[in-house]
Structures are given as C-alpha cells and as structure tokens.
Amino acid sequence: NLTDAAPVLAQYGIPAVVFVVTGRMGGMLDHDLDPATSTLLTWDQARELQAMGVEIGGHTKTHRRLSQLSIPEQETEIVECARQLRWELGAELPLFAYPFGSAFDYDKSSKELAKRAGFSCAYSNRYGGIRSGDDPWELRRIWIDASDSMESFKSKVDGTLDMLAVFESRAGLYARKLLNRFTRG
C-alpha cells in the first residue's frame, strides 16, 4: 500500500482508503504465516499514507470475527479501534470495515457499536457497488488486486460485473478468474 499503490494513486488523484487493525500495527494477524509478506503497517507508515491523501479507516483492534464475540467483547474491538485511531492519527472516523466481512461475520450489535464509536459507515466484504438507499452499515465493496487483468478491472469499474453481487464473493472470485483466463492472451 505505502510503496506501490499510494504514490500512483496520489499521482492521478485517485482516492483510497486503508483499513487498519489498530492493536496489531507493525505486527501480523493470527492467520498470517509469512512475516516477509504479511507485516502490517506501523503507525508511522499510516501517518505517511495519510499525508499522501490516503484515508485510514478502522478494522477493529485485533481482527476478531465480531459475530462470535459477546457484545462487551465487540465493544472493546470497535471502541478501542476508534480510540487508537483518534489518538495516533488525530483523525475523524469516517470509515470502518468488518473483519472477514461476510454477512455472517458481523451482526446488529456490531453495526450499532460502530455507529456509537463515531464511524460514519461500515463496509462488508460482500461484492458490489454502492447504491442509493443501501444500508450505510453494510456497504459492499469491489475488490481490485494484482490478479485482475485490465479487462477485468474495466468491467469492475464500469459496473459490468455488478450483477455478481447477487452471487456474493465466491461466485465473483470465480467469475474474475475465468475472465482473467480468457483475457490474458
């Protein structure tokens, strides 16, 4: 994010957001295996991104699956994340993303706690563009990464693949793999 994507995005004036796990800054998530490729941003790196115009959003304190936690545990994950973001970055808290992010990974309590912590909306991991009238506490996302061909990228950006939202992420990932296979020549 810091060395590859952020400079290019800044050069072209493209807005971006990075969601951080505030209790693991500079460390790793429990499910990551390779420190060479899985080390998370430090607070200093988050500040560098912020200075480049990248928005820093919250992704809980330790990246636990919220729906499997008690309400007090969820509150700790979300409220502590918000507190650390304010303390370290001095920023307002517009954006939040649920860890793992499927419809089964957060619940009504998660949504309410994110709202009370001061976030203005929350992103799920469900595929699709945002439409007027969508619940601001269950916004969808469109994933773009290095496996996308230029044709796949264009189809995502122009909305051609929005229909995949009804199939959720597994079908979307499969369709992307097929599209990439046929368009890479």
N, C-alpha and C. Protein backbone atom coordinates (compact mmCIF):
# COMPACT_ATOMS: atom_id res chain seq x y z
N ASN A 1 0.82 -1.20 0.00
CA ASN A 1 0.00 0.00 0.00
C ASN A 1 0.86 1.26 0.00
N LEU A 2 1.84 1.30 0.87
CA LEU A 2 2.63 2.52 1.06
C LEU A 2 3.59 2.77 -0.10
N THR A 3 4.32 1.76 -0.52
CA THR A 3 5.37 1.98 -1.51
C THR A 3 4.92 1.77 -2.95
N ASP A 4 3.91 0.96 -3.16
CA ASP A 4 3.48 0.67 -4.53
C ASP A 4 2.23 1.45 -4.94
N ALA A 5 1.15 1.23 -4.24
CA ALA A 5 -0.14 1.79 -4.66
C ALA A 5 -0.28 3.28 -4.34
N ALA A 6 0.06 3.69 -3.15
CA ALA A 6 -0.20 5.08 -2.72
C ALA A 6 0.42 6.13 -3.64
N PRO A 7 1.69 6.00 -4.03
CA PRO A 7 2.26 7.03 -4.91
C PRO A 7 1.54 7.14 -6.26
N VAL A 8 1.14 6.02 -6.83
CA VAL A 8 0.44 6.04 -8.12
C VAL A 8 -0.95 6.65 -7.95
N LEU A 9 -1.65 6.25 -6.91
CA LEU A 9 -2.98 6.81 -6.65
C LEU A 9 -2.89 8.32 -6.43
N ALA A 10 -1.90 8.75 -5.66
CA ALA A 10 -1.72 10.18 -5.40
C ALA A 10 -1.40 10.93 -6.69
N GLN A 11 -0.55 10.35 -7.53
CA GLN A 11 -0.16 10.98 -8.79
C GLN A 11 -1.38 11.26 -9.67
N TYR A 12 -2.33 10.35 -9.67
CA TYR A 12 -3.51 10.50 -10.52
C TYR A 12 -4.74 11.04 -9.78
N GLY A 13 -4.55 11.41 -8.51
CA GLY A 13 -5.65 11.98 -7.75
C GLY A 13 -6.79 11.01 -7.47
N ILE A 14 -6.46 9.74 -7.34
CA ILE A 14 -7.47 8.72 -7.08
C ILE A 14 -7.57 8.50 -5.57
N PRO A 15 -8.76 8.67 -5.01
CA PRO A 15 -8.91 8.49 -3.56
C PRO A 15 -8.76 7.02 -3.16
N ALA A 16 -8.27 6.80 -1.96
CA ALA A 16 -8.09 5.44 -1.47
C ALA A 16 -8.28 5.42 0.04
N VAL A 17 -8.58 4.25 0.54
CA VAL A 17 -8.69 4.04 1.98
C VAL A 17 -7.98 2.74 2.33
N VAL A 18 -7.30 2.75 3.45
CA VAL A 18 -6.67 1.55 4.00
C VAL A 18 -7.28 1.34 5.38
N PHE A 19 -7.79 0.14 5.63
CA PHE A 19 -8.38 -0.18 6.92
C PHE A 19 -7.31 -0.85 7.78
N VAL A 20 -7.10 -0.33 8.99
CA VAL A 20 -6.04 -0.84 9.85
C VAL A 20 -6.58 -1.53 11.10
N VAL A 21 -5.86 -2.56 11.51
CA VAL A 21 -6.14 -3.29 12.74
C VAL A 21 -5.25 -2.65 13.80
N THR A 22 -5.84 -1.80 14.62
CA THR A 22 -5.05 -0.89 15.46
C THR A 22 -4.22 -1.58 16.53
N GLY A 23 -4.63 -2.72 17.01
CA GLY A 23 -3.86 -3.43 18.04
C GLY A 23 -2.76 -4.30 17.48
N ARG A 24 -2.62 -4.33 16.17
CA ARG A 24 -1.60 -5.16 15.52
C ARG A 24 -0.67 -4.35 14.62
N MET A 25 -0.68 -3.04 14.76
CA MET A 25 0.14 -2.20 13.90
C MET A 25 1.61 -2.63 13.98
N GLY A 26 2.22 -2.86 12.82
CA GLY A 26 3.61 -3.30 12.76
C GLY A 26 3.79 -4.78 13.01
N GLY A 27 2.71 -5.48 13.32
CA GLY A 27 2.77 -6.91 13.60
C GLY A 27 2.12 -7.71 12.49
N MET A 28 1.51 -8.81 12.90
CA MET A 28 0.84 -9.70 11.94
C MET A 28 -0.52 -10.10 12.50
N LEU A 29 -1.39 -10.55 11.61
CA LEU A 29 -2.66 -11.13 12.04
C LEU A 29 -2.43 -12.59 12.39
N ASP A 30 -3.30 -13.15 13.21
CA ASP A 30 -3.12 -14.53 13.66
C ASP A 30 -3.04 -15.53 12.51
N HIS A 31 -3.78 -15.30 11.44
CA HIS A 31 -3.82 -16.26 10.34
C HIS A 31 -2.72 -16.04 9.30
N ASP A 32 -1.90 -15.01 9.44
CA ASP A 32 -0.80 -14.77 8.50
C ASP A 32 0.38 -15.66 8.87
N LEU A 33 1.08 -16.14 7.86
CA LEU A 33 2.16 -17.09 8.09
C LEU A 33 3.55 -16.55 7.79
N ASP A 34 3.66 -15.63 6.86
CA ASP A 34 4.97 -15.19 6.39
C ASP A 34 5.24 -13.73 6.76
N PRO A 35 6.13 -13.50 7.74
CA PRO A 35 6.42 -12.11 8.14
C PRO A 35 6.95 -11.25 7.00
N ALA A 36 7.58 -11.87 6.01
CA ALA A 36 8.14 -11.10 4.89
C ALA A 36 7.05 -10.47 4.04
N THR A 37 5.89 -11.10 3.98
CA THR A 37 4.81 -10.58 3.13
C THR A 37 3.57 -10.17 3.90
N SER A 38 3.54 -10.41 5.20
CA SER A 38 2.31 -10.20 5.96
C SER A 38 2.40 -9.15 7.06
N THR A 39 3.53 -8.47 7.18
CA THR A 39 3.66 -7.48 8.24
C THR A 39 2.74 -6.30 7.96
N LEU A 40 1.98 -5.92 8.97
CA LEU A 40 1.03 -4.81 8.84
C LEU A 40 1.74 -3.47 8.95
N LEU A 41 1.07 -2.44 8.52
CA LEU A 41 1.61 -1.08 8.62
C LEU A 41 1.92 -0.72 10.06
N THR A 42 2.92 0.13 10.24
CA THR A 42 3.17 0.74 11.54
C THR A 42 2.36 2.03 11.61
N TRP A 43 2.31 2.63 12.80
CA TRP A 43 1.61 3.92 12.92
C TRP A 43 2.31 4.99 12.08
N ASP A 44 3.64 4.97 12.05
CA ASP A 44 4.36 5.95 11.22
C ASP A 44 4.02 5.78 9.75
N GLN A 45 3.93 4.54 9.29
CA GLN A 45 3.55 4.31 7.89
C GLN A 45 2.11 4.75 7.62
N ALA A 46 1.23 4.55 8.58
CA ALA A 46 -0.15 5.02 8.43
C ALA A 46 -0.18 6.54 8.31
N ARG A 47 0.66 7.21 9.10
CA ARG A 47 0.73 8.68 9.00
C ARG A 47 1.28 9.11 7.64
N GLU A 48 2.26 8.36 7.11
CA GLU A 48 2.78 8.66 5.77
C GLU A 48 1.68 8.54 4.72
N LEU A 49 0.91 7.47 4.80
CA LEU A 49 -0.21 7.28 3.87
C LEU A 49 -1.21 8.42 4.00
N GLN A 50 -1.51 8.78 5.22
CA GLN A 50 -2.45 9.87 5.48
C GLN A 50 -1.94 11.17 4.85
N ALA A 51 -0.64 11.42 4.96
CA ALA A 51 -0.05 12.63 4.37
C ALA A 51 -0.11 12.60 2.84
N MET A 52 -0.20 11.41 2.26
CA MET A 52 -0.30 11.26 0.80
C MET A 52 -1.76 11.33 0.34
N GLY A 53 -2.67 11.54 1.28
CA GLY A 53 -4.08 11.66 0.92
C GLY A 53 -4.88 10.38 1.05
N VAL A 54 -4.26 9.33 1.54
CA VAL A 54 -4.98 8.07 1.74
C VAL A 54 -5.73 8.15 3.06
N GLU A 55 -6.99 7.79 3.03
CA GLU A 55 -7.81 7.79 4.24
C GLU A 55 -7.52 6.52 5.03
N ILE A 56 -7.41 6.65 6.33
CA ILE A 56 -7.17 5.50 7.19
C ILE A 56 -8.46 5.19 7.93
N GLY A 57 -8.98 4.00 7.71
CA GLY A 57 -10.22 3.58 8.36
C GLY A 57 -9.95 2.51 9.41
N GLY A 58 -10.95 2.24 10.22
CA GLY A 58 -10.83 1.25 11.29
C GLY A 58 -11.24 -0.15 10.85
N HIS A 59 -10.53 -1.14 11.40
CA HIS A 59 -10.80 -2.55 11.08
C HIS A 59 -10.75 -3.40 12.35
N THR A 60 -11.13 -2.82 13.46
CA THR A 60 -11.13 -3.36 14.82
C THR A 60 -9.74 -3.33 15.44
N LYS A 61 -9.69 -3.74 16.69
CA LYS A 61 -8.43 -3.73 17.43
C LYS A 61 -7.56 -4.94 17.09
N THR A 62 -8.17 -6.14 17.01
CA THR A 62 -7.35 -7.34 16.80
C THR A 62 -7.84 -8.25 15.68
N HIS A 63 -8.82 -7.83 14.89
CA HIS A 63 -9.32 -8.57 13.73
C HIS A 63 -10.01 -9.88 14.12
N ARG A 64 -10.86 -9.80 15.12
CA ARG A 64 -11.65 -10.98 15.51
C ARG A 64 -12.99 -10.95 14.80
N ARG A 65 -13.56 -12.12 14.58
CA ARG A 65 -14.87 -12.26 13.93
C ARG A 65 -15.94 -11.78 14.91
N LEU A 66 -16.50 -10.60 14.65
CA LEU A 66 -17.37 -9.92 15.60
C LEU A 66 -18.60 -10.74 15.99
N SER A 67 -19.20 -11.43 15.05
CA SER A 67 -20.43 -12.19 15.35
C SER A 67 -20.20 -13.32 16.34
N GLN A 68 -18.96 -13.70 16.56
CA GLN A 68 -18.64 -14.77 17.50
C GLN A 68 -18.27 -14.23 18.88
N LEU A 69 -18.36 -12.92 19.05
CA LEU A 69 -17.99 -12.30 20.32
C LEU A 69 -19.23 -11.84 21.08
N SER A 70 -19.07 -11.73 22.39
CA SER A 70 -20.14 -11.14 23.20
C SER A 70 -20.21 -9.65 22.87
N ILE A 71 -21.29 -9.02 23.26
CA ILE A 71 -21.42 -7.58 23.00
C ILE A 71 -20.30 -6.79 23.67
N PRO A 72 -19.95 -7.07 24.95
CA PRO A 72 -18.82 -6.34 25.54
C PRO A 72 -17.50 -6.55 24.79
N GLU A 73 -17.28 -7.77 24.28
CA GLU A 73 -16.05 -8.02 23.51
C GLU A 73 -16.08 -7.27 22.18
N GLN A 74 -17.22 -7.25 21.52
CA GLN A 74 -17.35 -6.47 20.29
C GLN A 74 -17.08 -5.00 20.57
N GLU A 75 -17.63 -4.52 21.67
CA GLU A 75 -17.45 -3.11 22.02
C GLU A 75 -15.97 -2.79 22.20
N THR A 76 -15.24 -3.66 22.88
CA THR A 76 -13.80 -3.45 23.05
C THR A 76 -13.10 -3.39 21.70
N GLU A 77 -13.40 -4.33 20.82
CA GLU A 77 -12.77 -4.36 19.49
C GLU A 77 -13.02 -3.08 18.70
N ILE A 78 -14.26 -2.61 18.71
CA ILE A 78 -14.63 -1.46 17.88
C ILE A 78 -14.28 -0.14 18.54
N VAL A 79 -14.62 0.02 19.81
CA VAL A 79 -14.37 1.29 20.50
C VAL A 79 -12.88 1.53 20.70
N GLU A 80 -12.13 0.49 21.04
CA GLU A 80 -10.68 0.66 21.19
C GLU A 80 -10.02 1.00 19.86
N CYS A 81 -10.51 0.42 18.79
CA CYS A 81 -10.01 0.76 17.45
C CYS A 81 -10.22 2.25 17.19
N ALA A 82 -11.42 2.73 17.45
CA ALA A 82 -11.74 4.15 17.24
C ALA A 82 -10.86 5.05 18.11
N ARG A 83 -10.70 4.66 19.36
CA ARG A 83 -9.89 5.46 20.29
C ARG A 83 -8.44 5.54 19.81
N GLN A 84 -7.87 4.41 19.39
CA GLN A 84 -6.48 4.39 18.93
C GLN A 84 -6.31 5.20 17.64
N LEU A 85 -7.27 5.13 16.75
CA LEU A 85 -7.19 5.93 15.51
C LEU A 85 -7.18 7.42 15.84
N ARG A 86 -8.05 7.82 16.74
CA ARG A 86 -8.09 9.24 17.12
C ARG A 86 -6.78 9.66 17.78
N TRP A 87 -6.28 8.84 18.67
CA TRP A 87 -5.06 9.17 19.42
C TRP A 87 -3.84 9.22 18.50
N GLU A 88 -3.65 8.23 17.67
CA GLU A 88 -2.45 8.12 16.84
C GLU A 88 -2.48 9.02 15.60
N LEU A 89 -3.65 9.19 15.01
CA LEU A 89 -3.73 9.91 13.74
C LEU A 89 -4.45 11.24 13.84
N GLY A 90 -5.07 11.49 14.99
CA GLY A 90 -5.80 12.74 15.17
C GLY A 90 -6.89 12.93 14.15
N ALA A 91 -7.42 11.84 13.66
CA ALA A 91 -8.37 11.92 12.56
C ALA A 91 -9.80 11.66 13.03
N GLU A 92 -10.72 12.18 12.24
CA GLU A 92 -12.11 11.80 12.44
C GLU A 92 -12.25 10.37 11.93
N LEU A 93 -13.35 9.75 12.24
CA LEU A 93 -13.51 8.33 11.93
C LEU A 93 -14.61 8.07 10.92
N PRO A 94 -14.38 8.39 9.68
CA PRO A 94 -15.48 8.20 8.75
C PRO A 94 -15.76 6.75 8.38
N LEU A 95 -14.75 5.91 8.26
CA LEU A 95 -14.94 4.59 7.66
C LEU A 95 -14.51 3.45 8.57
N PHE A 96 -15.27 2.36 8.50
CA PHE A 96 -14.99 1.15 9.26
C PHE A 96 -15.22 -0.04 8.33
N ALA A 97 -14.47 -1.11 8.53
CA ALA A 97 -14.68 -2.35 7.77
C ALA A 97 -14.70 -3.52 8.74
N TYR A 98 -15.71 -4.37 8.60
CA TYR A 98 -15.83 -5.54 9.47
C TYR A 98 -14.76 -6.57 9.12
N PRO A 99 -14.09 -7.15 10.12
CA PRO A 99 -13.14 -8.23 9.83
C PRO A 99 -13.85 -9.39 9.12
N PHE A 100 -13.22 -9.91 8.13
CA PHE A 100 -13.72 -11.01 7.28
C PHE A 100 -14.90 -10.52 6.44
N GLY A 101 -15.87 -9.88 7.03
CA GLY A 101 -16.86 -9.10 6.32
C GLY A 101 -18.04 -9.78 5.65
N SER A 102 -18.17 -11.10 5.76
CA SER A 102 -19.37 -11.71 5.17
C SER A 102 -20.57 -11.37 6.04
N ALA A 103 -21.75 -11.63 5.53
CA ALA A 103 -22.97 -11.33 6.28
C ALA A 103 -23.04 -12.11 7.59
N PHE A 104 -22.22 -13.14 7.74
CA PHE A 104 -22.22 -13.95 8.95
C PHE A 104 -21.12 -13.53 9.94
N ASP A 105 -20.32 -12.54 9.57
CA ASP A 105 -19.18 -12.15 10.40
C ASP A 105 -19.43 -10.93 11.29
N TYR A 106 -20.58 -10.32 11.15
CA TYR A 106 -20.98 -9.19 11.99
C TYR A 106 -22.48 -9.30 12.20
N ASP A 107 -23.00 -8.53 13.16
CA ASP A 107 -24.43 -8.61 13.45
C ASP A 107 -24.98 -7.22 13.78
N LYS A 108 -26.22 -7.16 14.22
CA LYS A 108 -26.84 -5.87 14.53
C LYS A 108 -26.06 -5.12 15.60
N SER A 109 -25.54 -5.84 16.58
CA SER A 109 -24.75 -5.19 17.64
C SER A 109 -23.48 -4.56 17.06
N SER A 110 -22.84 -5.26 16.14
CA SER A 110 -21.62 -4.73 15.50
C SER A 110 -21.92 -3.41 14.82
N LYS A 111 -23.02 -3.38 14.08
CA LYS A 111 -23.41 -2.17 13.36
C LYS A 111 -23.68 -1.02 14.32
N GLU A 112 -24.41 -1.30 15.38
CA GLU A 112 -24.75 -0.25 16.36
C GLU A 112 -23.50 0.24 17.08
N LEU A 113 -22.59 -0.65 17.43
CA LEU A 113 -21.37 -0.26 18.13
C LEU A 113 -20.47 0.58 17.22
N ALA A 114 -20.38 0.25 15.95
CA ALA A 114 -19.58 1.06 15.01
C ALA A 114 -20.16 2.46 14.92
N LYS A 115 -21.46 2.54 14.88
CA LYS A 115 -22.14 3.84 14.82
C LYS A 115 -21.85 4.65 16.09
N ARG A 116 -21.99 4.01 17.25
CA ARG A 116 -21.76 4.71 18.52
C ARG A 116 -20.30 5.10 18.72
N ALA A 117 -19.38 4.35 18.11
CA ALA A 117 -17.94 4.67 18.25
C ALA A 117 -17.56 5.90 17.44
N GLY A 118 -18.45 6.35 16.55
CA GLY A 118 -18.17 7.56 15.79
C GLY A 118 -17.88 7.35 14.32
N PHE A 119 -17.91 6.11 13.85
CA PHE A 119 -17.72 5.87 12.42
C PHE A 119 -18.98 6.32 11.69
N SER A 120 -18.82 6.73 10.43
CA SER A 120 -19.98 7.22 9.68
C SER A 120 -20.62 6.15 8.80
N CYS A 121 -19.89 5.06 8.56
CA CYS A 121 -20.42 3.95 7.77
C CYS A 121 -19.51 2.75 7.99
N ALA A 122 -19.95 1.59 7.49
CA ALA A 122 -19.15 0.38 7.64
C ALA A 122 -19.26 -0.47 6.39
N TYR A 123 -18.13 -1.03 5.99
CA TYR A 123 -18.05 -1.86 4.80
C TYR A 123 -18.05 -3.34 5.17
N SER A 124 -18.81 -4.10 4.40
CA SER A 124 -18.76 -5.55 4.49
C SER A 124 -17.73 -6.02 3.46
N ASN A 125 -17.64 -7.31 3.28
CA ASN A 125 -16.75 -7.87 2.27
C ASN A 125 -17.58 -8.45 1.12
N ARG A 126 -18.83 -8.08 1.06
CA ARG A 126 -19.72 -8.58 0.02
C ARG A 126 -19.51 -7.77 -1.25
N TYR A 127 -19.52 -8.47 -2.39
CA TYR A 127 -19.18 -7.83 -3.66
C TYR A 127 -20.29 -6.92 -4.15
N GLY A 128 -19.90 -5.79 -4.70
CA GLY A 128 -20.84 -4.93 -5.39
C GLY A 128 -20.58 -3.46 -5.17
N GLY A 129 -21.17 -2.66 -6.04
CA GLY A 129 -21.08 -1.22 -5.91
C GLY A 129 -22.10 -0.71 -4.90
N ILE A 130 -21.93 0.52 -4.49
CA ILE A 130 -22.83 1.15 -3.53
C ILE A 130 -23.93 1.87 -4.29
N ARG A 131 -25.14 1.67 -3.85
CA ARG A 131 -26.30 2.29 -4.49
C ARG A 131 -27.04 3.17 -3.49
N SER A 132 -27.73 4.15 -4.01
CA SER A 132 -28.58 5.00 -3.18
C SER A 132 -29.57 4.11 -2.42
N GLY A 133 -29.72 4.37 -1.14
CA GLY A 133 -30.65 3.59 -0.34
C GLY A 133 -30.02 2.40 0.36
N ASP A 134 -28.75 2.07 0.05
CA ASP A 134 -28.08 0.97 0.74
C ASP A 134 -27.91 1.32 2.22
N ASP A 135 -27.92 0.31 3.06
CA ASP A 135 -27.67 0.49 4.49
C ASP A 135 -26.22 0.96 4.66
N PRO A 136 -25.99 2.15 5.24
CA PRO A 136 -24.61 2.64 5.39
C PRO A 136 -23.76 1.80 6.35
N TRP A 137 -24.37 0.85 7.03
CA TRP A 137 -23.64 -0.01 7.97
C TRP A 137 -23.41 -1.40 7.39
N GLU A 138 -23.70 -1.57 6.08
CA GLU A 138 -23.44 -2.82 5.37
C GLU A 138 -23.08 -2.54 3.92
N LEU A 139 -22.18 -1.60 3.70
CA LEU A 139 -21.80 -1.24 2.34
C LEU A 139 -20.99 -2.36 1.69
N ARG A 140 -21.20 -2.54 0.41
CA ARG A 140 -20.46 -3.54 -0.36
C ARG A 140 -19.16 -2.92 -0.89
N ARG A 141 -18.27 -3.79 -1.36
CA ARG A 141 -17.01 -3.32 -1.93
C ARG A 141 -16.72 -4.06 -3.23
N ILE A 142 -15.89 -3.46 -4.03
CA ILE A 142 -15.40 -4.11 -5.24
C ILE A 142 -13.90 -4.29 -5.06
N TRP A 143 -13.47 -5.54 -5.03
CA TRP A 143 -12.06 -5.84 -4.84
C TRP A 143 -11.31 -5.72 -6.15
N ILE A 144 -10.20 -5.02 -6.11
CA ILE A 144 -9.30 -4.91 -7.25
C ILE A 144 -7.92 -5.26 -6.73
N ASP A 145 -7.27 -6.22 -7.39
CA ASP A 145 -5.94 -6.60 -6.95
C ASP A 145 -5.08 -7.02 -8.14
N ALA A 146 -3.89 -7.49 -7.85
CA ALA A 146 -2.92 -7.80 -8.90
C ALA A 146 -3.38 -8.92 -9.84
N SER A 147 -4.34 -9.73 -9.42
CA SER A 147 -4.80 -10.82 -10.29
C SER A 147 -5.77 -10.33 -11.37
N ASP A 148 -6.24 -9.09 -11.27
CA ASP A 148 -7.17 -8.54 -12.25
C ASP A 148 -6.44 -8.16 -13.54
N SER A 149 -6.97 -8.64 -14.66
CA SER A 149 -6.48 -8.18 -15.96
C SER A 149 -7.04 -6.78 -16.18
N MET A 150 -6.58 -6.08 -17.20
CA MET A 150 -7.10 -4.75 -17.50
C MET A 150 -8.59 -4.84 -17.85
N GLU A 151 -8.98 -5.89 -18.57
CA GLU A 151 -10.40 -6.07 -18.93
C GLU A 151 -11.25 -6.30 -17.68
N SER A 152 -10.75 -7.11 -16.77
CA SER A 152 -11.46 -7.36 -15.52
C SER A 152 -11.59 -6.07 -14.72
N PHE A 153 -10.50 -5.31 -14.65
CA PHE A 153 -10.51 -4.03 -13.94
C PHE A 153 -11.57 -3.09 -14.53
N LYS A 154 -11.56 -2.95 -15.86
CA LYS A 154 -12.53 -2.06 -16.52
C LYS A 154 -13.96 -2.53 -16.26
N SER A 155 -14.19 -3.83 -16.30
CA SER A 155 -15.54 -4.36 -16.06
C SER A 155 -16.01 -4.09 -14.64
N LYS A 156 -15.09 -4.10 -13.70
CA LYS A 156 -15.47 -3.79 -12.32
C LYS A 156 -15.78 -2.30 -12.17
N VAL A 157 -14.93 -1.47 -12.72
CA VAL A 157 -15.09 -0.02 -12.56
C VAL A 157 -16.32 0.50 -13.28
N ASP A 158 -16.61 -0.04 -14.47
CA ASP A 158 -17.77 0.49 -15.21
C ASP A 158 -19.10 -0.16 -14.82
N GLY A 159 -19.06 -1.11 -13.88
CA GLY A 159 -20.29 -1.70 -13.37
C GLY A 159 -20.75 -2.95 -14.09
N THR A 160 -20.02 -3.38 -15.10
CA THR A 160 -20.41 -4.57 -15.85
C THR A 160 -20.55 -5.79 -14.93
N LEU A 161 -19.70 -5.89 -13.93
CA LEU A 161 -19.73 -7.05 -13.05
C LEU A 161 -20.60 -6.85 -11.81
N ASP A 162 -21.32 -5.75 -11.72
CA ASP A 162 -22.17 -5.51 -10.54
C ASP A 162 -23.21 -6.61 -10.35
N MET A 163 -23.59 -7.26 -11.42
CA MET A 163 -24.58 -8.33 -11.32
C MET A 163 -24.10 -9.46 -10.42
N LEU A 164 -22.78 -9.57 -10.24
CA LEU A 164 -22.23 -10.63 -9.41
C LEU A 164 -22.55 -10.44 -7.94
N ALA A 165 -23.01 -9.29 -7.55
CA ALA A 165 -23.35 -9.04 -6.15
C ALA A 165 -24.38 -10.03 -5.65
N VAL A 166 -25.27 -10.46 -6.51
CA VAL A 166 -26.30 -11.41 -6.07
C VAL A 166 -25.71 -12.77 -5.75
N PHE A 167 -24.55 -13.07 -6.29
CA PHE A 167 -23.91 -14.36 -6.04
C PHE A 167 -22.93 -14.31 -4.86
N GLU A 168 -22.68 -13.11 -4.36
CA GLU A 168 -21.72 -12.87 -3.28
C GLU A 168 -20.30 -13.14 -3.76
N SER A 169 -19.37 -13.17 -2.85
CA SER A 169 -17.96 -13.13 -3.23
C SER A 169 -17.43 -14.41 -3.87
N ARG A 170 -17.87 -15.58 -3.48
CA ARG A 170 -17.31 -16.81 -4.06
C ARG A 170 -17.54 -16.85 -5.57
N ALA A 171 -18.75 -16.58 -6.00
CA ALA A 171 -19.05 -16.57 -7.43
C ALA A 171 -18.31 -15.43 -8.13
N GLY A 172 -18.21 -14.31 -7.46
CA GLY A 172 -17.49 -13.18 -8.03
C GLY A 172 -16.03 -13.50 -8.26
N LEU A 173 -15.40 -14.15 -7.29
CA LEU A 173 -14.00 -14.53 -7.44
C LEU A 173 -13.82 -15.55 -8.57
N TYR A 174 -14.72 -16.50 -8.65
CA TYR A 174 -14.65 -17.50 -9.71
C TYR A 174 -14.81 -16.84 -11.08
N ALA A 175 -15.79 -15.95 -11.20
CA ALA A 175 -16.01 -15.26 -12.47
C ALA A 175 -14.79 -14.43 -12.85
N ARG A 176 -14.16 -13.78 -11.87
CA ARG A 176 -12.96 -12.99 -12.15
C ARG A 176 -11.84 -13.88 -12.67
N LYS A 177 -11.67 -15.05 -12.05
CA LYS A 177 -10.63 -15.96 -12.53
C LYS A 177 -10.88 -16.37 -13.97
N LEU A 178 -12.14 -16.69 -14.28
CA LEU A 178 -12.47 -17.05 -15.66
C LEU A 178 -12.22 -15.90 -16.62
N LEU A 179 -12.66 -14.71 -16.24
CA LEU A 179 -12.47 -13.53 -17.09
C LEU A 179 -10.98 -13.27 -17.31
N ASN A 180 -10.19 -13.39 -16.26
CA ASN A 180 -8.75 -13.18 -16.39
C ASN A 180 -8.13 -14.23 -17.31
N ARG A 181 -8.56 -15.47 -17.18
CA ARG A 181 -8.01 -16.55 -18.00
C ARG A 181 -8.26 -16.29 -19.49
N PHE A 182 -9.45 -15.79 -19.82
CA PHE A 182 -9.80 -15.59 -21.22
C PHE A 182 -9.30 -14.27 -21.79
N THR A 183 -8.89 -13.34 -20.96
CA THR A 183 -8.48 -12.03 -21.48
C THR A 183 -6.98 -11.80 -21.40
N ARG A 184 -6.23 -12.72 -20.87
CA ARG A 184 -4.78 -12.51 -20.74
C ARG A 184 -4.01 -12.93 -21.98
N GLY A 185 -4.63 -13.58 -22.91
CA GLY A 185 -3.99 -13.90 -24.18
C GLY A 185 -2.93 -14.87 -24.13
